[in-house]
C-alpha cells in the first residue's frame, strides 16, 4: 500500500494512491478491474491541517471546518476540492497521522 492514501471529500468518493515521481504510468502494473485508472495530476498548491488518532467522518468534517476558518481568517482563497489523507496502515494503532487538505486558488 502507498502512503498517503487519499480520498476526495466531494459528493462521489474517489480513493487515490500516491506513486513516487520516479515512476510513470507505463511502469505501473496494469489494473485487473475496469474501475481502476491511472491519472497523472499536475502540481498544485495546497493547504493542510493535520490531526492524530483514528479518522472518521465527524473528525474529518471538524478539521475541514477548522481549515476553512483558518484560511478565511487569513484571506487565502481556496477551491472546494477537499481531500482526506491517511498515512498509516490499518494495523498501526499509535502515532497515527491524518490530514485534510484543499487546493488553493
Protein backbone atom coordinates (compact mmCIF):
# COMPACT_ATOMS: atom_id res chain seq x y z
CA UNK A 1 0.00 0.00 0.00
CA UNK A 2 1.19 3.52 -0.70
CA UNK A 3 1.25 6.39 1.74
CA UNK A 4 -0.69 8.53 1.90
CA UNK A 5 -3.97 7.11 0.74
CA UNK A 6 -6.18 9.99 -0.31
CA UNK A 7 -9.94 10.28 -0.58
CA UNK A 8 -11.78 13.17 -2.15
CA UNK A 9 -14.38 14.77 0.09
CA UNK A 10 -16.80 15.58 -2.72
CA UNK A 11 -20.23 14.10 -3.45
CA UNK A 12 -18.72 10.99 -5.01
CA UNK A 13 -15.80 9.50 -3.15
CA UNK A 14 -12.66 8.77 -5.09
CA UNK A 15 -9.77 6.91 -3.48
CA UNK A 16 -6.29 7.75 -4.70
CA UNK A 17 -2.96 6.10 -4.09
CA UNK A 18 0.19 8.16 -4.47
CA UNK A 19 3.06 6.80 -6.55
CA UNK A 20 6.60 8.24 -6.33
CA UNK A 21 7.58 10.63 -9.13
CA UNK A 22 10.27 8.27 -10.38
CA UNK A 23 7.53 6.00 -11.78
CA UNK A 24 5.47 6.91 -14.82
CA UNK A 25 2.08 5.41 -15.71
CA UNK A 26 3.61 2.95 -18.19
CA UNK A 27 5.82 1.42 -15.47
CA UNK A 28 2.91 0.55 -13.18
CA UNK A 29 1.19 -2.84 -13.21
CA UNK A 30 -1.97 -2.97 -15.29
CA UNK A 31 -5.16 -2.91 -13.18
CA UNK A 32 -7.30 -6.04 -13.28
CA UNK A 33 -10.53 -4.07 -12.71
CA UNK A 34 -12.05 -1.64 -15.19
CA UNK A 35 -12.92 0.89 -12.48
CA UNK A 36 -9.25 1.47 -11.70
CA UNK A 37 -7.36 4.01 -13.74
CA UNK A 38 -4.02 5.77 -13.51
CA UNK A 39 -4.03 9.54 -13.82
CA UNK A 40 -1.18 12.00 -13.62
CA UNK A 41 -2.12 15.02 -11.56
CA UNK A 42 -0.46 18.38 -12.16
CA UNK A 43 1.41 20.08 -9.33
CA UNK A 44 -0.91 22.07 -7.08
CA UNK A 45 -0.56 24.47 -4.20
CA UNK A 46 -2.39 23.07 -1.21
CA UNK A 47 -3.17 23.98 2.40
CA UNK A 48 -3.34 21.28 5.05
CA UNK A 49 -4.36 20.71 8.62
CA UNK A 50 -3.07 17.65 10.49
CA UNK A 51 -4.68 15.61 13.21
CA UNK A 52 -3.85 12.40 15.01
CA UNK A 53 -5.74 9.29 16.03
CA UNK A 54 -8.35 7.35 14.11
CA UNK A 55 -10.18 9.31 11.43
CA UNK A 56 -13.94 9.17 10.96
CA UNK A 57 -16.46 11.32 9.08
CA UNK A 58 -17.15 13.55 12.10
CA UNK A 59 -13.48 14.19 12.80
CA UNK A 60 -12.70 14.82 9.12
CA UNK A 61 -15.55 17.34 8.86
CA UNK A 62 -14.42 19.07 12.07
CA UNK A 63 -10.90 19.58 10.72
CA UNK A 64 -12.22 20.61 7.30
CA UNK A 65 -14.15 23.39 9.06
CA UNK A 66 -11.04 24.37 11.10
CA UNK A 67 -9.01 24.57 7.88
CA UNK A 68 -11.65 26.71 6.16
CA UNK A 69 -11.83 29.06 9.16
CA UNK A 70 -8.04 29.46 9.26
CA UNK A 71 -7.85 30.21 5.53
CA UNK A 72 -10.80 32.63 5.71
CA UNK A 73 -9.16 34.44 8.65
CA UNK A 74 -6.01 34.96 6.55
CA UNK A 75 -7.92 35.90 3.39
CA UNK A 76 -6.50 32.93 1.48
CA UNK A 77 -8.65 31.80 -1.43
CA UNK A 78 -9.29 28.10 -1.84
CA UNK A 79 -11.30 25.81 -4.08
CA UNK A 80 -14.00 23.48 -2.90
CA UNK A 81 -11.76 20.45 -3.61
CA UNK A 82 -11.01 18.98 -0.20
CA UNK A 83 -9.22 15.69 0.38
CA UNK A 84 -8.51 13.43 3.33
CA UNK A 85 -5.00 11.95 3.54
CA UNK A 86 -4.36 8.95 5.78
CA UNK A 87 -0.74 7.97 6.34
CA UNK A 88 -0.90 4.80 8.44
CA UNK A 89 -1.68 1.17 7.76
CA UNK A 90 -4.90 -0.06 9.40
CA UNK A 91 -2.98 -2.20 11.89
CA UNK A 92 -0.95 0.76 13.23
CA UNK A 93 -2.57 1.84 16.47
CA UNK A 94 -0.23 4.54 17.81
CA UNK A 95 1.09 7.78 16.32
CA UNK A 96 -1.47 7.92 13.53
CA UNK A 97 -1.22 10.91 11.16
CA UNK A 98 -4.04 12.31 9.07
CA UNK A 99 -4.60 15.49 7.09
CA UNK A 100 -7.43 17.38 5.48
CA UNK A 101 -6.14 19.36 2.51
CA UNK A 102 -7.61 21.77 0.00
CA UNK A 103 -6.44 23.19 -3.31
CA UNK A 104 -5.59 26.89 -3.14
CA UNK A 105 -6.57 29.27 -5.92
